Protein backbone atom coordinates (compact mmCIF):
# COMPACT_ATOMS: atom_id res chain seq x y z
CA MET A 1 0.13 -0.22 0.05
CA ALA A 2 1.53 3.30 -1.31
CA VAL A 3 1.86 6.24 1.62
CA LYS A 4 1.63 10.02 1.03
CA ILE A 5 4.53 11.48 2.62
CA SER A 6 3.54 15.38 3.02
CA LYS A 7 6.95 16.60 4.90
CA ASN A 8 10.46 16.41 3.78
CA ILE A 9 12.62 13.72 5.52
CA VAL A 10 14.98 14.74 7.62
CA GLY A 11 16.61 11.04 9.21
CA PHE A 12 15.80 7.62 9.53
CA SER A 13 16.91 4.40 10.56
CA ILE A 14 16.66 0.51 9.55
CA LYS A 15 15.21 -1.51 12.40
CA LYS A 16 17.21 -4.71 12.79
CA LYS A 17 15.14 -7.91 13.15
CA ASP A 18 13.90 -8.99 16.83
CA GLU A 19 15.18 -5.32 17.96
CA PRO A 20 12.69 -4.21 20.28
CA ILE A 21 10.72 -0.80 19.45
CA ALA A 22 11.57 2.24 21.21
CA ASN A 23 9.71 3.68 23.90
CA ALA A 24 7.46 0.49 23.63
CA ALA A 25 5.29 -0.55 26.85
CA PRO A 26 6.90 -3.59 28.67
CA THR A 27 5.27 -7.30 28.25
CA ARG A 28 3.86 -9.03 31.08
CA GLU A 29 5.36 -12.36 31.20
CA THR A 30 3.30 -15.07 31.97
CA MET A 31 4.25 -19.19 32.21
CA HIS A 32 4.20 -21.19 28.92
CA GLU A 33 5.60 -24.19 27.80
CA GLU A 34 8.82 -22.42 26.36
CA VAL A 35 9.96 -21.03 29.92
CA GLN A 36 13.38 -22.43 30.80
CA ARG A 37 13.93 -23.67 34.15
CA PRO A 38 16.55 -20.98 35.96
CA ASP A 39 19.22 -22.40 38.34
CA GLU A 40 17.41 -21.55 41.48
CA LEU A 41 13.66 -21.67 42.09
CA LYS A 42 11.90 -20.41 45.49
CA GLY A 43 10.53 -23.89 46.97
CA TYR A 44 8.52 -24.71 50.25
CA THR A 45 7.69 -28.24 51.36
CA TYR A 46 4.99 -29.21 53.38
CA LYS A 47 4.85 -32.75 55.87
CA ILE A 48 1.68 -34.59 55.81
CA LYS A 49 1.17 -37.60 58.49
CA THR A 50 -1.48 -40.00 57.78
CA PRO A 51 -2.49 -43.41 59.29
CA LEU A 52 -2.06 -44.97 56.02
CA SER A 53 1.66 -45.08 56.92
CA ASP A 54 4.08 -45.24 59.73
CA HIS A 55 6.34 -42.66 57.74
CA ALA A 56 5.48 -39.15 56.65
CA MET A 57 5.38 -37.32 53.46
CA TYR A 58 7.24 -34.64 51.93
CA ILE A 59 5.63 -32.30 49.54
CA THR A 60 8.06 -30.03 47.44
CA ILE A 61 6.60 -27.03 45.39
CA ASN A 62 8.66 -25.36 43.79
CA ASN A 63 7.80 -21.73 42.05
CA MET A 64 8.91 -19.48 39.69
CA VAL A 65 8.99 -15.86 40.07
CA LEU A 66 7.58 -13.94 37.39
CA ASN A 67 7.72 -10.33 36.71
CA SER A 68 10.35 -9.71 39.56
CA GLY A 69 10.54 -6.26 40.71
CA THR A 70 7.37 -4.90 39.08
CA GLU A 71 3.89 -4.35 39.95
CA HIS A 72 3.16 -7.74 38.19
CA GLU A 73 5.72 -9.79 40.45
CA GLN A 74 3.94 -13.17 41.16
CA GLU A 75 5.24 -16.67 42.02
CA VAL A 76 3.89 -19.58 39.97
CA PRO A 77 4.22 -23.31 40.90
CA PHE A 78 6.72 -24.93 38.50
CA GLU A 79 7.18 -28.41 39.60
CA ILE A 80 6.30 -30.40 42.40
CA PHE A 81 7.94 -33.82 43.96
CA ILE A 82 6.76 -35.82 47.06
CA ASN A 83 9.22 -37.81 49.16
CA SER A 84 8.74 -40.77 51.66
CA LYS A 85 10.70 -43.59 53.32
CA ASN A 86 7.46 -45.91 52.26
CA MET A 87 8.16 -46.96 49.08
CA ASP A 88 4.71 -48.58 48.47
CA GLN A 89 2.60 -45.90 46.73
CA PHE A 90 6.06 -45.14 44.59
CA GLN A 91 5.22 -45.65 41.15
CA TRP A 92 1.41 -43.22 41.13
CA ILE A 93 2.71 -40.59 43.20
CA LEU A 94 5.77 -40.11 40.38
CA ALA A 95 3.38 -40.54 37.95
CA LEU A 96 1.50 -37.78 39.72
CA THR A 97 4.13 -35.68 40.34
CA ARG A 98 5.11 -35.48 36.24
CA VAL A 99 1.49 -35.12 35.33
CA ILE A 100 1.00 -31.72 37.88
CA SER A 101 4.38 -30.43 37.03
CA ALA A 102 3.50 -30.50 33.46
CA VAL A 103 0.20 -28.76 33.73
CA PHE A 104 2.14 -25.89 36.05
CA ARG A 105 4.63 -25.63 33.18
CA LYS A 106 2.09 -25.23 30.46
CA GLY A 107 0.58 -22.23 31.93
CA GLY A 108 -2.77 -20.54 32.34
CA ASP A 109 -4.79 -21.51 35.43
CA ALA A 110 -3.81 -24.74 37.36
CA THR A 111 -6.05 -23.56 40.26
CA PHE A 112 -8.24 -26.48 38.84
CA MET A 113 -6.12 -29.23 39.97
CA VAL A 114 -7.18 -28.77 43.46
CA GLU A 115 -10.84 -29.79 43.26
CA GLU A 116 -10.06 -32.40 40.89
CA LEU A 117 -7.74 -34.25 43.66
CA LYS A 118 -9.72 -33.36 46.61
CA GLN A 119 -12.47 -34.93 45.35
CA VAL A 120 -10.96 -38.31 44.65
CA PHE A 121 -12.54 -40.93 47.44
CA ASP A 122 -10.44 -43.55 47.95
CA PRO A 123 -12.84 -47.16 47.54
CA GLN A 124 -11.30 -48.61 51.19
CA GLY A 125 -12.48 -45.50 53.31
CA GLY A 126 -10.75 -42.05 53.86
CA TYR A 127 -9.16 -41.09 57.06
CA PHE A 128 -9.33 -38.33 60.01
CA LYS A 129 -6.60 -35.88 60.50
CA LYS A 130 -5.94 -34.67 63.60
CA GLY A 131 -8.51 -31.86 64.51
CA GLY A 132 -11.54 -33.95 63.04
CA ARG A 133 -10.93 -32.87 59.92
CA PHE A 134 -11.59 -35.96 57.06
CA MET A 135 -9.60 -36.81 54.29
CA PRO A 136 -11.39 -39.00 51.41
CA SER A 137 -7.80 -40.07 50.12
CA LEU A 138 -4.21 -39.91 50.07
CA VAL A 139 -4.60 -38.02 46.93
CA ALA A 140 -7.18 -35.68 48.28
CA GLU A 141 -4.98 -34.95 50.94
CA ILE A 142 -2.22 -33.94 48.26
CA GLY A 143 -4.92 -31.84 46.61
CA ASP A 144 -5.60 -29.78 49.96
CA VAL A 145 -1.78 -29.39 50.34
CA LEU A 146 -1.63 -27.84 46.70
CA ASP A 147 -4.48 -25.79 48.06
CA ARG A 148 -2.57 -24.26 51.25
CA HIS A 149 0.04 -23.53 48.78
CA MET A 150 -1.97 -21.53 46.15
CA ARG A 151 -3.40 -19.63 48.32
CA ARG A 152 -0.15 -18.81 50.07
CA ILE A 153 1.35 -17.36 47.22
CA GLY A 154 -2.01 -15.50 46.02
CA LEU A 155 -3.37 -17.81 43.49
CA ILE A 156 -6.45 -18.74 45.24
CA LYS A 157 -8.19 -15.66 47.14
CA ASP A 158 -10.02 -16.87 50.19
CA GLN A 159 -14.05 -15.89 50.20
CA ALA A 160 -14.59 -14.45 53.42
CA LEU A 161 -17.76 -14.90 55.09
CA SER A 162 -19.98 -11.39 55.60
CA SER A 163 -19.83 -10.39 59.45
CA GLU A 164 -23.41 -11.18 59.97
CA HIS A 165 -23.16 -14.55 58.92
CA VAL A 166 -20.16 -15.18 61.15
CA ALA A 167 -22.07 -13.80 63.80
CA MET A 168 -25.20 -15.99 63.37
CA MET A 169 -22.72 -19.30 63.24
CA ASN A 170 -21.04 -18.49 66.83
CA GLU A 171 -24.70 -17.83 67.94
CA LYS A 172 -26.24 -21.02 66.62
CA ARG A 173 -22.85 -23.16 67.63
CA ALA A 174 -23.09 -21.59 71.09
CA GLN A 175 -26.48 -22.80 71.01
CA ALA A 176 -25.96 -26.50 69.80
CA GLU A 177 -22.97 -26.67 71.87
CA GLY A 178 -24.30 -24.82 75.38
CA VAL A 179 -21.17 -23.45 75.93
CA GLU A 180 -19.50 -19.84 74.88
CA ALA A 181 -19.25 -18.97 71.48
CA GLU A 182 -15.33 -18.29 71.01
CA SER A 183 -15.25 -22.36 71.62
CA ASN A 184 -13.56 -23.60 68.57
CA ALA A 185 -15.36 -27.48 69.33
CA PHE A 186 -18.08 -28.59 67.62
CA PRO A 187 -21.43 -30.00 68.88
CA PRO A 188 -21.56 -33.97 69.41
CA GLY A 189 -23.45 -35.66 66.55
CA ALA A 190 -21.93 -33.46 64.14
CA GLN A 191 -21.75 -34.81 60.46
CA LEU A 192 -19.26 -34.32 58.01
CA CYS A 193 -19.58 -31.49 55.65
CA GLN A 194 -18.27 -32.14 52.11
CA LYS A 195 -17.32 -28.83 51.38
CA CYS A 196 -14.73 -28.09 54.26
CA LEU A 197 -14.48 -32.23 55.55
CA THR A 198 -14.77 -30.99 58.88
CA THR A 199 -17.23 -32.86 61.18
CA ALA A 200 -19.14 -30.14 62.00
CA MET A 201 -22.61 -30.32 59.84
CA VAL A 202 -25.27 -29.25 62.29
CA MET A 203 -29.43 -29.18 61.93
CA MET A 204 -30.16 -25.54 62.25
CA ASP A 205 -33.62 -24.00 61.84
CA GLY A 206 -34.76 -27.26 59.91
CA CYS A 207 -31.49 -26.95 57.32
CA MET A 208 -27.80 -28.88 57.62
CA THR A 209 -25.45 -26.17 58.00
CA CYS A 210 -21.96 -26.40 58.35
CA LEU A 211 -20.51 -24.34 61.73
CA ASN A 212 -17.14 -24.17 60.24
CA CYS A 213 -17.37 -23.21 56.68
CA GLY A 214 -20.88 -21.70 56.95
CA ASP A 215 -22.11 -24.23 54.07
CA SER A 216 -25.65 -25.04 53.85
CA LYS A 217 -27.76 -27.03 52.29
CA CYS A 218 -30.44 -24.95 51.82
CA GLY A 219 -28.49 -22.66 49.99
């Protein structure tokens, strides 16, 4: 297409191939498959102990820092490793870590894996953690660790309950327990909440309601 020049040309330069455009806005770095692993990554290690084994399991998640030093600086998971003295589950755990790491490096929103893993149920039954929280499987607990990690680095945001909802829960908990509302214990006979996996679901005003997360069968 011809371009008409209405002013005199007073200077020019030839742009070299792959040369950045002057005064161009910096691009925001995102995770994708072609991002190379740096020599150092920022890692976090989580210890879990289940009644399924005499040995603890250690889950290490290494993060890559994108857009370092800018307002868009963000840690994103790059790889995951799981280690334990118990080698009974080694084959499928190794496969799981490779798949999860591949999803991390693929880029995009990887938070969907949290709910996918937490919804895996062991046909032989799950187990209760210290404090009464139920884990339907070892895979679900790995998903729970991933959930905690993503919340820690800000990829998953906590949805806080309203002050009115919290006040209502404390009032109902106190009524159900017959104790002060500040108590952290849940009343005897409470059922398992399928959302937060805590034995805190009780009947309140004709509706099953969780005293831990506020989930209600009546919406």
